[in-house]
Amino acid sequence: MQATVRDSATTLSKSDIQVYLDGEEIRGFQYRRTTGSLSFTPRNKLSSGAHTVEIAANATDGSKNARKSWTFVVP
């Protein structure tokens, strides 16, 4: 999975971001502060059907909170 996570007002760190796959928190994701690039590979093979990824970002200064989710289907 790949996404871009940025805040134009502040620099986010990995500790400002939470990632979930089907409601389970993913702790082993990679995040590059300089580019905002976030990625992870699920530990287990995903079953057929719909899956949901959710990313939440909370600025350290508490000024902004953002949440984005999307669903994809594994055939």
PDB file of N, CA and C in Angstrom:
ATOM      1  N   MET A   1       0.844  -1.149   0.000  1.00  0.00           N
ATOM      2  CA  MET A   1       0.000   0.000   0.000  1.00  0.00           C
ATOM      3  C   MET A   1       0.899   1.223   0.000  1.00  0.00           C
ATOM      4  N   GLN A   2       0.478   2.248  -0.728  1.00  0.00           N
ATOM      5  CA  GLN A   2       1.225   3.493  -0.773  1.00  0.00           C
ATOM      6  C   GLN A   2       0.281   4.675  -0.708  1.00  0.00           C
ATOM      7  N   ALA A   3       0.734   5.731  -0.051  1.00  0.00           N
ATOM      8  CA  ALA A   3      -0.039   6.966   0.054  1.00  0.00           C
ATOM      9  C   ALA A   3       0.933   8.114   0.286  1.00  0.00           C
ATOM     10  N   THR A   4       0.443   9.324   0.095  1.00  0.00           N
ATOM     11  CA  THR A   4       1.206  10.520   0.423  1.00  0.00           C
ATOM     12  C   THR A   4       0.489  11.233   1.558  1.00  0.00           C
ATOM     13  N   VAL A   5       1.235  11.521   2.630  1.00  0.00           N
ATOM     14  CA  VAL A   5       0.661  12.160   3.815  1.00  0.00           C
ATOM     15  C   VAL A   5       1.504  13.395   4.119  1.00  0.00           C
ATOM     16  N   ARG A   6       0.904  14.578   3.928  1.00  0.00           N
ATOM     17  CA  ARG A   6       1.629  15.828   4.167  1.00  0.00           C
ATOM     18  C   ARG A   6       0.725  16.840   4.843  1.00  0.00           C
ATOM     19  N   ASP A   7       1.345  17.786   5.503  1.00  0.00           N
ATOM     20  CA  ASP A   7       0.655  18.918   6.106  1.00  0.00           C
ATOM     21  C   ASP A   7       1.410  20.164   5.657  1.00  0.00           C
ATOM     22  N   SER A   8       0.725  21.084   5.011  1.00  0.00           N
ATOM     23  CA  SER A   8       1.410  22.266   4.480  1.00  0.00           C
ATOM     24  C   SER A   8       1.871  23.226   5.575  1.00  0.00           C
ATOM     25  N   ALA A   9       1.301  23.137   6.764  1.00  0.00           N
ATOM     26  CA  ALA A   9       1.641  24.068   7.837  1.00  0.00           C
ATOM     27  C   ALA A   9       2.730  23.564   8.774  1.00  0.00           C
ATOM     28  N   THR A  10       2.916  22.249   8.848  1.00  0.00           N
ATOM     29  CA  THR A  10       3.899  21.689   9.776  1.00  0.00           C
ATOM     30  C   THR A  10       4.495  20.419   9.176  1.00  0.00           C
ATOM     31  N   THR A  11       5.609  19.985   9.714  1.00  0.00           N
ATOM     32  CA  THR A  11       6.242  18.752   9.256  1.00  0.00           C
ATOM     33  C   THR A  11       5.768  17.606  10.131  1.00  0.00           C
ATOM     34  N   LEU A  12       5.144  16.633   9.519  1.00  0.00           N
ATOM     35  CA  LEU A  12       4.666  15.466  10.257  1.00  0.00           C
ATOM     36  C   LEU A  12       5.807  14.482  10.487  1.00  0.00           C
ATOM     37  N   SER A  13       5.715  13.736  11.557  1.00  0.00           N
ATOM     38  CA  SER A  13       6.650  12.640  11.800  1.00  0.00           C
ATOM     39  C   SER A  13       5.836  11.344  11.831  1.00  0.00           C
ATOM     40  N   LYS A  14       6.515  10.234  11.803  1.00  0.00           N
ATOM     41  CA  LYS A  14       5.831   8.942  11.822  1.00  0.00           C
ATOM     42  C   LYS A  14       4.931   8.807  13.045  1.00  0.00           C
ATOM     43  N   SER A  15       5.339   9.376  14.165  1.00  0.00           N
ATOM     44  CA  SER A  15       4.534   9.272  15.386  1.00  0.00           C
ATOM     45  C   SER A  15       3.233  10.078  15.320  1.00  0.00           C
ATOM     46  N   ASP A  16       3.119  10.966  14.334  1.00  0.00           N
ATOM     47  CA  ASP A  16       1.890  11.753  14.143  1.00  0.00           C
ATOM     48  C   ASP A  16       0.853  11.010  13.315  1.00  0.00           C
ATOM     49  N   ILE A  17       1.208   9.834  12.799  1.00  0.00           N
ATOM     50  CA  ILE A  17       0.371   9.127  11.823  1.00  0.00           C
ATOM     51  C   ILE A  17      -0.032   7.753  12.350  1.00  0.00           C
ATOM     52  N   GLN A  18      -1.286   7.400  12.140  1.00  0.00           N
ATOM     53  CA  GLN A  18      -1.774   6.051  12.447  1.00  0.00           C
ATOM     54  C   GLN A  18      -2.327   5.463  11.149  1.00  0.00           C
ATOM     55  N   VAL A  19      -2.030   4.184  10.934  1.00  0.00           N
ATOM     56  CA  VAL A  19      -2.475   3.483   9.728  1.00  0.00           C
ATOM     57  C   VAL A  19      -3.242   2.249  10.156  1.00  0.00           C
ATOM     58  N   TYR A  20      -4.373   1.999   9.489  1.00  0.00           N
ATOM     59  CA  TYR A  20      -5.217   0.840   9.798  1.00  0.00           C
ATOM     60  C   TYR A  20      -5.573   0.109   8.518  1.00  0.00           C
ATOM     61  N   LEU A  21      -5.569  -1.198   8.587  1.00  0.00           N
ATOM     62  CA  LEU A  21      -6.035  -2.043   7.502  1.00  0.00           C
ATOM     63  C   LEU A  21      -7.141  -2.923   8.072  1.00  0.00           C
ATOM     64  N   ASP A  22      -8.338  -2.750   7.553  1.00  0.00           N
ATOM     65  CA  ASP A  22      -9.511  -3.485   8.045  1.00  0.00           C
ATOM     66  C   ASP A  22      -9.680  -3.327   9.562  1.00  0.00           C
ATOM     67  N   GLY A  23      -9.408  -2.126  10.057  1.00  0.00           N
ATOM     68  CA  GLY A  23      -9.593  -1.823  11.479  1.00  0.00           C
ATOM     69  C   GLY A  23      -8.431  -2.202  12.376  1.00  0.00           C
ATOM     70  N   GLU A  24      -7.445  -2.907  11.850  1.00  0.00           N
ATOM     71  CA  GLU A  24      -6.271  -3.313  12.634  1.00  0.00           C
ATOM     72  C   GLU A  24      -5.144  -2.311  12.426  1.00  0.00           C
ATOM     73  N   GLU A  25      -4.576  -1.818  13.515  1.00  0.00           N
ATOM     74  CA  GLU A  25      -3.492  -0.849  13.383  1.00  0.00           C
ATOM     75  C   GLU A  25      -2.251  -1.501  12.781  1.00  0.00           C
ATOM     76  N   ILE A  26      -1.645  -0.798  11.828  1.00  0.00           N
ATOM     77  CA  ILE A  26      -0.406  -1.235  11.197  1.00  0.00           C
ATOM     78  C   ILE A  26       0.717  -0.415  11.807  1.00  0.00           C
ATOM     79  N   ARG A  27       1.611  -1.067  12.488  1.00  0.00           N
ATOM     80  CA  ARG A  27       2.718  -0.343  13.134  1.00  0.00           C
ATOM     81  C   ARG A  27       3.986  -0.359  12.289  1.00  0.00           C
ATOM     82  N   GLY A  28       4.113  -1.315  11.409  1.00  0.00           N
ATOM     83  CA  GLY A  28       5.342  -1.467  10.627  1.00  0.00           C
ATOM     84  C   GLY A  28       5.325  -0.733   9.305  1.00  0.00           C
ATOM     85  N   PHE A  29       4.735   0.452   9.262  1.00  0.00           N
ATOM     86  CA  PHE A  29       4.728   1.199   8.003  1.00  0.00           C
ATOM     87  C   PHE A  29       5.976   2.079   7.911  1.00  0.00           C
ATOM     88  N   GLN A  30       6.311   2.444   6.693  1.00  0.00           N
ATOM     89  CA  GLN A  30       7.451   3.315   6.433  1.00  0.00           C
ATOM     90  C   GLN A  30       6.928   4.705   6.098  1.00  0.00           C
ATOM     91  N   TYR A  31       7.598   5.747   6.596  1.00  0.00           N
ATOM     92  CA  TYR A  31       7.196   7.115   6.293  1.00  0.00           C
ATOM     93  C   TYR A  31       8.421   7.975   6.086  1.00  0.00           C
ATOM     94  N   ARG A  32       8.457   8.697   4.962  1.00  0.00           N
ATOM     95  CA  ARG A  32       9.549   9.626   4.655  1.00  0.00           C
ATOM     96  C   ARG A  32       9.047  11.046   4.850  1.00  0.00           C
ATOM     97  N   ARG A  33       9.553  11.707   5.839  1.00  0.00           N
ATOM     98  CA  ARG A  33       9.119  13.076   6.154  1.00  0.00           C
ATOM     99  C   ARG A  33       9.362  14.028   4.992  1.00  0.00           C
ATOM    100  N   THR A  34      10.476  13.864   4.292  1.00  0.00           N
ATOM    101  CA  THR A  34      10.838  14.808   3.237  1.00  0.00           C
ATOM    102  C   THR A  34       9.889  14.771   2.050  1.00  0.00           C
ATOM    103  N   THR A  35       9.326  13.602   1.757  1.00  0.00           N
ATOM    104  CA  THR A  35       8.440  13.471   0.593  1.00  0.00           C
ATOM    105  C   THR A  35       6.983  13.237   0.983  1.00  0.00           C
ATOM    106  N   GLY A  36       6.737  12.846   2.231  1.00  0.00           N
ATOM    107  CA  GLY A  36       5.386  12.510   2.663  1.00  0.00           C
ATOM    108  C   GLY A  36       4.961  11.123   2.223  1.00  0.00           C
ATOM    109  N   SER A  37       5.890  10.346   1.720  1.00  0.00           N
ATOM    110  CA  SER A  37       5.594   9.003   1.203  1.00  0.00           C
ATOM    111  C   SER A  37       5.405   8.004   2.345  1.00  0.00           C
ATOM    112  N   LEU A  38       4.270   7.340   2.342  1.00  0.00           N
ATOM    113  CA  LEU A  38       3.951   6.318   3.335  1.00  0.00           C
ATOM    114  C   LEU A  38       3.711   5.010   2.590  1.00  0.00           C
ATOM    115  N   SER A  39       4.232   3.910   3.132  1.00  0.00           N
ATOM    116  CA  SER A  39       3.996   2.606   2.502  1.00  0.00           C
ATOM    117  C   SER A  39       4.044   1.503   3.548  1.00  0.00           C
ATOM    118  N   PHE A  40       3.367   0.417   3.230  1.00  0.00           N
ATOM    119  CA  PHE A  40       3.450  -0.787   4.048  1.00  0.00           C
ATOM    120  C   PHE A  40       3.019  -1.980   3.225  1.00  0.00           C
ATOM    121  N   THR A  41       3.480  -3.135   3.650  1.00  0.00           N
ATOM    122  CA  THR A  41       3.085  -4.404   3.050  1.00  0.00           C
ATOM    123  C   THR A  41       2.368  -5.203   4.126  1.00  0.00           C
ATOM    124  N   PRO A  42       1.142  -5.648   3.844  1.00  0.00           N
ATOM    125  CA  PRO A  42       0.425  -6.447   4.854  1.00  0.00           C
ATOM    126  C   PRO A  42       1.235  -7.683   5.247  1.00  0.00           C
ATOM    127  N   ARG A  43       1.185  -8.042   6.526  1.00  0.00           N
ATOM    128  CA  ARG A  43       1.924  -9.211   7.020  1.00  0.00           C
ATOM    129  C   ARG A  43       1.414 -10.511   6.413  1.00  0.00           C
ATOM    130  N   ASN A  44       0.094 -10.604   6.293  1.00  0.00           N
ATOM    131  CA  ASN A  44      -0.515 -11.826   5.767  1.00  0.00           C
ATOM    132  C   ASN A  44      -1.141 -11.560   4.400  1.00  0.00           C
ATOM    133  N   LYS A  45      -1.265 -12.611   3.626  1.00  0.00           N
ATOM    134  CA  LYS A  45      -1.925 -12.499   2.331  1.00  0.00           C
ATOM    135  C   LYS A  45      -3.372 -12.067   2.564  1.00  0.00           C
ATOM    136  N   LEU A  46      -3.825 -11.086   1.799  1.00  0.00           N
ATOM    137  CA  LEU A  46      -5.192 -10.593   1.956  1.00  0.00           C
ATOM    138  C   LEU A  46      -6.180 -11.556   1.312  1.00  0.00           C
ATOM    139  N   SER A  47      -7.271 -11.791   1.992  1.00  0.00           N
ATOM    140  CA  SER A  47      -8.313 -12.665   1.465  1.00  0.00           C
ATOM    141  C   SER A  47      -9.065 -11.959   0.342  1.00  0.00           C
ATOM    142  N   SER A  48      -9.759 -12.727  -0.467  1.00  0.00           N
ATOM    143  CA  SER A  48     -10.597 -12.155  -1.521  1.00  0.00           C
ATOM    144  C   SER A  48     -11.693 -11.320  -0.886  1.00  0.00           C
ATOM    145  N   GLY A  49     -12.050 -10.237  -1.565  1.00  0.00           N
ATOM    146  CA  GLY A  49     -13.125  -9.390  -1.072  1.00  0.00           C
ATOM    147  C   GLY A  49     -12.658  -7.970  -0.808  1.00  0.00           C
ATOM    148  N   ALA A  50     -13.519  -7.188  -0.174  1.00  0.00           N
ATOM    149  CA  ALA A  50     -13.247  -5.779   0.092  1.00  0.00           C
ATOM    150  C   ALA A  50     -12.386  -5.593   1.331  1.00  0.00           C
ATOM    151  N   HIS A  51     -11.487  -4.639   1.260  1.00  0.00           N
ATOM    152  CA  HIS A  51     -10.613  -4.278   2.375  1.00  0.00           C
ATOM    153  C   HIS A  51     -10.577  -2.752   2.472  1.00  0.00           C
ATOM    154  N   THR A  52     -10.368  -2.240   3.676  1.00  0.00           N
ATOM    155  CA  THR A  52     -10.344  -0.803   3.887  1.00  0.00           C
ATOM    156  C   THR A  52      -9.040  -0.371   4.541  1.00  0.00           C
ATOM    157  N   VAL A  53      -8.442   0.676   3.983  1.00  0.00           N
ATOM    158  CA  VAL A  53      -7.255   1.303   4.557  1.00  0.00           C
ATOM    159  C   VAL A  53      -7.698   2.651   5.114  1.00  0.00           C
ATOM    160  N   GLU A  54      -7.222   2.990   6.306  1.00  0.00           N
ATOM    161  CA  GLU A  54      -7.515   4.284   6.895  1.00  0.00           C
ATOM    162  C   GLU A  54      -6.219   4.878   7.431  1.00  0.00           C
ATOM    163  N   ILE A  55      -6.009   6.160   7.153  1.00  0.00           N
ATOM    164  CA  ILE A  55      -4.834   6.872   7.648  1.00  0.00           C
ATOM    165  C   ILE A  55      -5.316   8.090   8.423  1.00  0.00           C
ATOM    166  N   ALA A  56      -4.810   8.240   9.627  1.00  0.00           N
ATOM    167  CA  ALA A  56      -5.134   9.402  10.457  1.00  0.00           C
ATOM    168  C   ALA A  56      -3.832  10.136  10.748  1.00  0.00           C
ATOM    169  N   ALA A  57      -3.850  11.460  10.582  1.00  0.00           N
ATOM    170  CA  ALA A  57      -2.670  12.278  10.863  1.00  0.00           C
ATOM    171  C   ALA A  57      -3.064  13.376  11.840  1.00  0.00           C
ATOM    172  N   ASN A  58      -2.275  13.524  12.882  1.00  0.00           N
ATOM    173  CA  ASN A  58      -2.521  14.521  13.915  1.00  0.00           C
ATOM    174  C   ASN A  58      -1.276  15.365  14.082  1.00  0.00           C
ATOM    175  N   ALA A  59      -1.354  16.641  13.721  1.00  0.00           N
ATOM    176  CA  ALA A  59      -0.205  17.535  13.861  1.00  0.00           C
ATOM    177  C   ALA A  59       0.215  17.604  15.318  1.00  0.00           C
ATOM    178  N   THR A  60       1.502  17.602  15.562  1.00  0.00           N
ATOM    179  CA  THR A  60       2.049  17.621  16.916  1.00  0.00           C
ATOM    180  C   THR A  60       1.530  18.804  17.723  1.00  0.00           C
ATOM    181  N   ASP A  61       1.355  19.945  17.069  1.00  0.00           N
ATOM    182  CA  ASP A  61       0.892  21.125  17.792  1.00  0.00           C
ATOM    183  C   ASP A  61      -0.617  21.109  18.029  1.00  0.00           C
ATOM    184  N   GLY A  62      -1.293  20.059  17.544  1.00  0.00           N
ATOM    185  CA  GLY A  62      -2.730  19.920  17.770  1.00  0.00           C
ATOM    186  C   GLY A  62      -3.587  20.793  16.877  1.00  0.00           C
ATOM    187  N   SER A  63      -2.964  21.474  15.912  1.00  0.00           N
ATOM    188  CA  SER A  63      -3.708  22.411  15.079  1.00  0.00           C
ATOM    189  C   SER A  63      -4.573  21.725  14.031  1.00  0.00           C
ATOM    190  N   LYS A  64      -4.189  20.544  13.604  1.00  0.00           N
ATOM    191  CA  LYS A  64      -4.928  19.870  12.538  1.00  0.00           C
ATOM    192  C   LYS A  64      -5.023  18.383  12.808  1.00  0.00           C
ATOM    193  N   ASN A  65      -6.151  17.842  12.478  1.00  0.00           N
ATOM    194  CA  ASN A  65      -6.357  16.402  12.497  1.00  0.00           C
ATOM    195  C   ASN A  65      -7.011  16.041  11.183  1.00  0.00           C
ATOM    196  N   ALA A  66      -6.514  15.016  10.532  1.00  0.00           N
ATOM    197  CA  ALA A  66      -7.077  14.605   9.246  1.00  0.00           C
ATOM    198  C   ALA A  66      -7.202  13.088   9.227  1.00  0.00           C
ATOM    199  N   ARG A  67      -8.222  12.630   8.520  1.00  0.00           N
ATOM    200  CA  ARG A  67      -8.469  11.194   8.406  1.00  0.00           C
ATOM    201  C   ARG A  67      -8.957  10.918   6.992  1.00  0.00           C
ATOM    202  N   LYS A  68      -8.393   9.901   6.366  1.00  0.00           N
ATOM    203  CA  LYS A  68      -8.782   9.523   5.011  1.00  0.00           C
ATOM    204  C   LYS A  68      -8.859   8.008   4.954  1.00  0.00           C
ATOM    205  N   SER A  69      -9.872   7.499   4.288  1.00  0.00           N
ATOM    206  CA  SER A  69      -9.971   6.043   4.118  1.00  0.00           C
ATOM    207  C   SER A  69     -10.404   5.735   2.703  1.00  0.00           C
ATOM    208  N   TRP A  70     -10.086   4.538   2.273  1.00  0.00           N
ATOM    209  CA  TRP A  70     -10.521   4.055   0.969  1.00  0.00           C
ATOM    210  C   TRP A  70     -10.653   2.548   1.027  1.00  0.00           C
ATOM    211  N   THR A  71     -11.452   2.042   0.117  1.00  0.00           N
ATOM    212  CA  THR A  71     -11.702   0.604   0.043  1.00  0.00           C
ATOM    213  C   THR A  71     -11.225   0.085  -1.301  1.00  0.00           C
ATOM    214  N   PHE A  72     -10.678  -1.115  -1.296  1.00  0.00           N
ATOM    215  CA  PHE A  72     -10.261  -1.783  -2.522  1.00  0.00           C
ATOM    216  C   PHE A  72     -10.698  -3.230  -2.445  1.00  0.00           C
ATOM    217  N   VAL A  73     -10.731  -3.898  -3.582  1.00  0.00           N
ATOM    218  CA  VAL A  73     -11.214  -5.275  -3.640  1.00  0.00           C
ATOM    219  C   VAL A  73     -10.097  -6.181  -4.157  1.00  0.00           C
ATOM    220  N   VAL A  74      -9.873  -7.279  -3.446  1.00  0.00           N
ATOM    221  CA  VAL A  74      -8.957  -8.322  -3.897  1.00  0.00           C
ATOM    222  C   VAL A  74      -9.803  -9.371  -4.594  1.00  0.00           C
ATOM    223  N   PRO A  75      -9.508  -9.652  -5.870  1.00  0.00           N
ATOM    224  CA  PRO A  75     -10.328 -10.634  -6.608  1.00  0.00           C
ATOM    225  C   PRO A  75     -10.200 -12.049  -6.046  1.00  0.00           C
TER     226      PRO A  75
END
